[in-house]
């Protein structure tokens, strides 16, 4: 996952991609936990401790999109190819929740998660179809 980039004539090892993937996975797990915390508290304790996610869901849905956009170089895409399944799952999950609850709860901020989910999935599709600029 680490690679060498030539920036300014010096070669440096950059390991940002593995941290980005780990960050997306952690945010995804925390967002699923956050989503399930509201019904759990209501079921177990009889009262709702937290409202259903709104702005934090929109914020979490942007994290995979940022990783996909930042890793658009062919070398980064090759390193990210093993993580595409988890990215698709996260984007689809954010999209489905955002679409369902934006219509039901009338929360405008959840439409950002819908846009982020669609944008991320389309960006992944387009970058996967893109031919490398230099032949191997």
C-alpha atoms as a PDB file:
ATOM      1  CA  UNK A   1       0.000   0.000   0.000  1.00  0.00           C
ATOM      2  CA  UNK A   2       2.931   2.316   0.367  1.00  0.00           C
ATOM      3  CA  UNK A   3       4.290   3.753  -2.797  1.00  0.00           C
ATOM      4  CA  UNK A   4       7.001   6.086  -3.928  1.00  0.00           C
ATOM      5  CA  UNK A   5       6.055   9.411  -5.441  1.00  0.00           C
ATOM      6  CA  UNK A   6       8.416  11.850  -7.001  1.00  0.00           C
ATOM      7  CA  UNK A   7       7.558  15.270  -5.676  1.00  0.00           C
ATOM      8  CA  UNK A   8      10.025  18.038  -6.216  1.00  0.00           C
ATOM      9  CA  UNK A   9      12.809  15.699  -7.326  1.00  0.00           C
ATOM     10  CA  UNK A  10      12.846  13.639  -4.146  1.00  0.00           C
ATOM     11  CA  UNK A  11      11.334  10.216  -3.672  1.00  0.00           C
ATOM     12  CA  UNK A  12       9.217   9.852  -0.560  1.00  0.00           C
ATOM     13  CA  UNK A  13       7.194   6.917   0.667  1.00  0.00           C
ATOM     14  CA  UNK A  14       3.525   7.851   1.003  1.00  0.00           C
ATOM     15  CA  UNK A  15       1.287   5.565   3.066  1.00  0.00           C
ATOM     16  CA  UNK A  16      -1.820   7.746   3.110  1.00  0.00           C
ATOM     17  CA  UNK A  17      -4.009   5.317   1.182  1.00  0.00           C
ATOM     18  CA  UNK A  18      -4.032   2.604   3.834  1.00  0.00           C
ATOM     19  CA  UNK A  19      -4.965   5.194   6.462  1.00  0.00           C
ATOM     20  CA  UNK A  20      -7.732   6.496   4.212  1.00  0.00           C
ATOM     21  CA  UNK A  21      -9.177   3.013   3.743  1.00  0.00           C
ATOM     22  CA  UNK A  22      -8.977   2.346   7.484  1.00  0.00           C
ATOM     23  CA  UNK A  23     -10.690   5.667   8.142  1.00  0.00           C
ATOM     24  CA  UNK A  24     -13.530   4.844   5.741  1.00  0.00           C
ATOM     25  CA  UNK A  25     -14.022   1.450   7.397  1.00  0.00           C
ATOM     26  CA  UNK A  26     -14.045   2.944  10.900  1.00  0.00           C
ATOM     27  CA  UNK A  27     -16.499   5.677   9.900  1.00  0.00           C
ATOM     28  CA  UNK A  28     -18.732   3.061   8.242  1.00  0.00           C
ATOM     29  CA  UNK A  29     -18.781   0.869  11.351  1.00  0.00           C
ATOM     30  CA  UNK A  30     -19.464   3.860  13.593  1.00  0.00           C
ATOM     31  CA  UNK A  31     -22.290   5.035  11.347  1.00  0.00           C
ATOM     32  CA  UNK A  32     -23.930   1.594  11.386  1.00  0.00           C
ATOM     33  CA  UNK A  33     -23.570   1.532  15.177  1.00  0.00           C
ATOM     34  CA  UNK A  34     -25.052   5.027  15.357  1.00  0.00           C
ATOM     35  CA  UNK A  35     -27.979   3.990  13.183  1.00  0.00           C
ATOM     36  CA  UNK A  36     -28.745   0.966  15.352  1.00  0.00           C
ATOM     37  CA  UNK A  37     -28.274   2.799  18.677  1.00  0.00           C
ATOM     38  CA  UNK A  38     -31.601   4.630  18.459  1.00  0.00           C
ATOM     39  CA  UNK A  39     -33.886   1.591  18.041  1.00  0.00           C
ATOM     40  CA  UNK A  40     -31.778  -0.357  20.550  1.00  0.00           C
ATOM     41  CA  UNK A  41     -32.120   2.270  23.269  1.00  0.00           C
ATOM     42  CA  UNK A  42     -35.826   2.566  22.610  1.00  0.00           C
ATOM     43  CA  UNK A  43     -36.324  -1.202  22.726  1.00  0.00           C
ATOM     44  CA  UNK A  44     -34.150  -1.913  25.753  1.00  0.00           C
ATOM     45  CA  UNK A  45     -34.791   1.126  27.945  1.00  0.00           C
ATOM     46  CA  UNK A  46     -38.174   2.340  26.768  1.00  0.00           C
ATOM     47  CA  UNK A  47     -36.943   5.774  25.757  1.00  0.00           C
ATOM     48  CA  UNK A  48     -35.100   7.120  22.773  1.00  0.00           C
ATOM     49  CA  UNK A  49     -31.677   8.418  23.838  1.00  0.00           C
ATOM     50  CA  UNK A  50     -30.611   9.653  20.421  1.00  0.00           C
ATOM     51  CA  UNK A  51     -32.634  10.856  17.444  1.00  0.00           C
ATOM     52  CA  UNK A  52     -32.188   9.116  14.138  1.00  0.00           C
ATOM     53  CA  UNK A  53     -29.018  10.220  12.315  1.00  0.00           C
ATOM     54  CA  UNK A  54     -29.240  13.281  10.083  1.00  0.00           C
ATOM     55  CA  UNK A  55     -26.237  15.564   9.622  1.00  0.00           C
ATOM     56  CA  UNK A  56     -23.753  12.975  10.905  1.00  0.00           C
ATOM     57  CA  UNK A  57     -25.051  10.515   8.332  1.00  0.00           C
ATOM     58  CA  UNK A  58     -24.471  13.030   5.557  1.00  0.00           C
ATOM     59  CA  UNK A  59     -20.957  13.649   6.867  1.00  0.00           C
ATOM     60  CA  UNK A  60     -20.184   9.919   7.035  1.00  0.00           C
ATOM     61  CA  UNK A  61     -21.458   9.372   3.498  1.00  0.00           C
ATOM     62  CA  UNK A  62     -18.921  11.829   2.112  1.00  0.00           C
ATOM     63  CA  UNK A  63     -15.869   9.920   3.462  1.00  0.00           C
ATOM     64  CA  UNK A  64     -15.786   7.135   0.836  1.00  0.00           C
ATOM     65  CA  UNK A  65     -16.312   9.709  -1.912  1.00  0.00           C
ATOM     66  CA  UNK A  66     -13.311  11.690  -0.688  1.00  0.00           C
ATOM     67  CA  UNK A  67     -11.151   8.561  -0.703  1.00  0.00           C
ATOM     68  CA  UNK A  68     -12.253   7.637  -4.226  1.00  0.00           C
ATOM     69  CA  UNK A  69     -11.615  11.135  -5.554  1.00  0.00           C
ATOM     70  CA  UNK A  70      -8.221  11.436  -3.841  1.00  0.00           C
ATOM     71  CA  UNK A  71      -7.118   8.006  -5.105  1.00  0.00           C
ATOM     72  CA  UNK A  72      -7.743   8.687  -8.780  1.00  0.00           C
ATOM     73  CA  UNK A  73      -4.159   8.135  -9.953  1.00  0.00           C
ATOM     74  CA  UNK A  74      -3.623   4.769 -11.690  1.00  0.00           C
ATOM     75  CA  UNK A  75      -1.153   3.625  -9.005  1.00  0.00           C
ATOM     76  CA  UNK A  76      -3.598   4.544  -6.250  1.00  0.00           C
ATOM     77  CA  UNK A  77      -6.472   2.871  -8.123  1.00  0.00           C
ATOM     78  CA  UNK A  78      -4.455  -0.336  -8.344  1.00  0.00           C
ATOM     79  CA  UNK A  79      -3.768  -0.237  -4.606  1.00  0.00           C
ATOM     80  CA  UNK A  80      -7.436   0.519  -3.907  1.00  0.00           C
ATOM     81  CA  UNK A  81      -8.767  -2.262  -6.153  1.00  0.00           C
ATOM     82  CA  UNK A  82      -8.896  -4.756  -3.284  1.00  0.00           C
ATOM     83  CA  UNK A  83     -11.072  -2.410  -1.230  1.00  0.00           C
ATOM     84  CA  UNK A  84     -13.704  -1.650  -3.860  1.00  0.00           C
ATOM     85  CA  UNK A  85     -16.222  -4.086  -2.409  1.00  0.00           C
ATOM     86  CA  UNK A  86     -16.310  -2.403   0.997  1.00  0.00           C
ATOM     87  CA  UNK A  87     -16.509   1.006  -0.681  1.00  0.00           C
ATOM     88  CA  UNK A  88     -19.478  -0.105  -2.783  1.00  0.00           C
ATOM     89  CA  UNK A  89     -21.211  -1.588   0.256  1.00  0.00           C
ATOM     90  CA  UNK A  90     -20.691   1.600   2.266  1.00  0.00           C
ATOM     91  CA  UNK A  91     -21.845   3.876  -0.566  1.00  0.00           C
ATOM     92  CA  UNK A  92     -24.916   1.749  -1.249  1.00  0.00           C
ATOM     93  CA  UNK A  93     -25.791   1.633   2.450  1.00  0.00           C
ATOM     94  CA  UNK A  94     -25.471   5.409   2.792  1.00  0.00           C
ATOM     95  CA  UNK A  95     -27.517   5.868  -0.383  1.00  0.00           C
ATOM     96  CA  UNK A  96     -30.353   3.555   0.706  1.00  0.00           C
ATOM     97  CA  UNK A  97     -30.621   5.017   4.214  1.00  0.00           C
ATOM     98  CA  UNK A  98     -30.412   8.573   2.923  1.00  0.00           C
ATOM     99  CA  UNK A  99     -33.025   7.977   0.237  1.00  0.00           C
ATOM    100  CA  UNK A 100     -35.448   6.205   2.561  1.00  0.00           C
ATOM    101  CA  UNK A 101     -35.213   8.643   5.435  1.00  0.00           C
ATOM    102  CA  UNK A 102     -34.916  11.820   3.370  1.00  0.00           C
ATOM    103  CA  UNK A 103     -38.357  11.073   2.000  1.00  0.00           C
ATOM    104  CA  UNK A 104     -39.856   9.848   5.315  1.00  0.00           C
ATOM    105  CA  UNK A 105     -38.304  12.302   7.780  1.00  0.00           C
ATOM    106  CA  UNK A 106     -38.350  15.308   5.439  1.00  0.00           C
ATOM    107  CA  UNK A 107     -34.736  16.100   6.319  1.00  0.00           C
ATOM    108  CA  UNK A 108     -33.054  18.063   3.555  1.00  0.00           C
ATOM    109  CA  UNK A 109     -29.557  17.266   4.842  1.00  0.00           C
ATOM    110  CA  UNK A 110     -30.086  13.559   4.118  1.00  0.00           C
ATOM    111  CA  UNK A 111     -30.285  14.355   0.412  1.00  0.00           C
ATOM    112  CA  UNK A 112     -26.552  15.078   0.654  1.00  0.00           C
ATOM    113  CA  UNK A 113     -25.977  11.413   1.511  1.00  0.00           C
ATOM    114  CA  UNK A 114     -28.080  10.424  -1.509  1.00  0.00           C
ATOM    115  CA  UNK A 115     -26.010  12.667  -3.759  1.00  0.00           C
ATOM    116  CA  UNK A 116     -22.767  11.417  -2.182  1.00  0.00           C
ATOM    117  CA  UNK A 117     -23.803   7.779  -2.632  1.00  0.00           C
ATOM    118  CA  UNK A 118     -24.757   8.234  -6.269  1.00  0.00           C
ATOM    119  CA  UNK A 119     -21.711  10.389  -6.957  1.00  0.00           C
ATOM    120  CA  UNK A 120     -19.349   7.900  -5.334  1.00  0.00           C
ATOM    121  CA  UNK A 121     -20.777   4.919  -7.186  1.00  0.00           C
ATOM    122  CA  UNK A 122     -20.690   6.770 -10.523  1.00  0.00           C
ATOM    123  CA  UNK A 123     -17.124   7.948  -9.872  1.00  0.00           C
ATOM    124  CA  UNK A 124     -16.017   4.393  -9.069  1.00  0.00           C
ATOM    125  CA  UNK A 125     -17.659   3.158 -12.259  1.00  0.00           C
ATOM    126  CA  UNK A 126     -16.052   5.848 -14.395  1.00  0.00           C
ATOM    127  CA  UNK A 127     -12.591   5.423 -12.881  1.00  0.00           C
ATOM    128  CA  UNK A 128     -12.739   1.656 -13.333  1.00  0.00           C
ATOM    129  CA  UNK A 129     -13.618   2.080 -16.995  1.00  0.00           C
ATOM    130  CA  UNK A 130     -10.879   4.631 -17.578  1.00  0.00           C
ATOM    131  CA  UNK A 131      -7.950   3.286 -19.547  1.00  0.00           C
ATOM    132  CA  UNK A 132      -4.477   3.855 -18.102  1.00  0.00           C
ATOM    133  CA  UNK A 133      -2.631   6.682 -19.818  1.00  0.00           C
ATOM    134  CA  UNK A 134       0.638   4.774 -20.128  1.00  0.00           C
ATOM    135  CA  UNK A 135       0.897   1.210 -21.364  1.00  0.00           C
ATOM    136  CA  UNK A 136       2.480  -1.337 -19.080  1.00  0.00           C
END
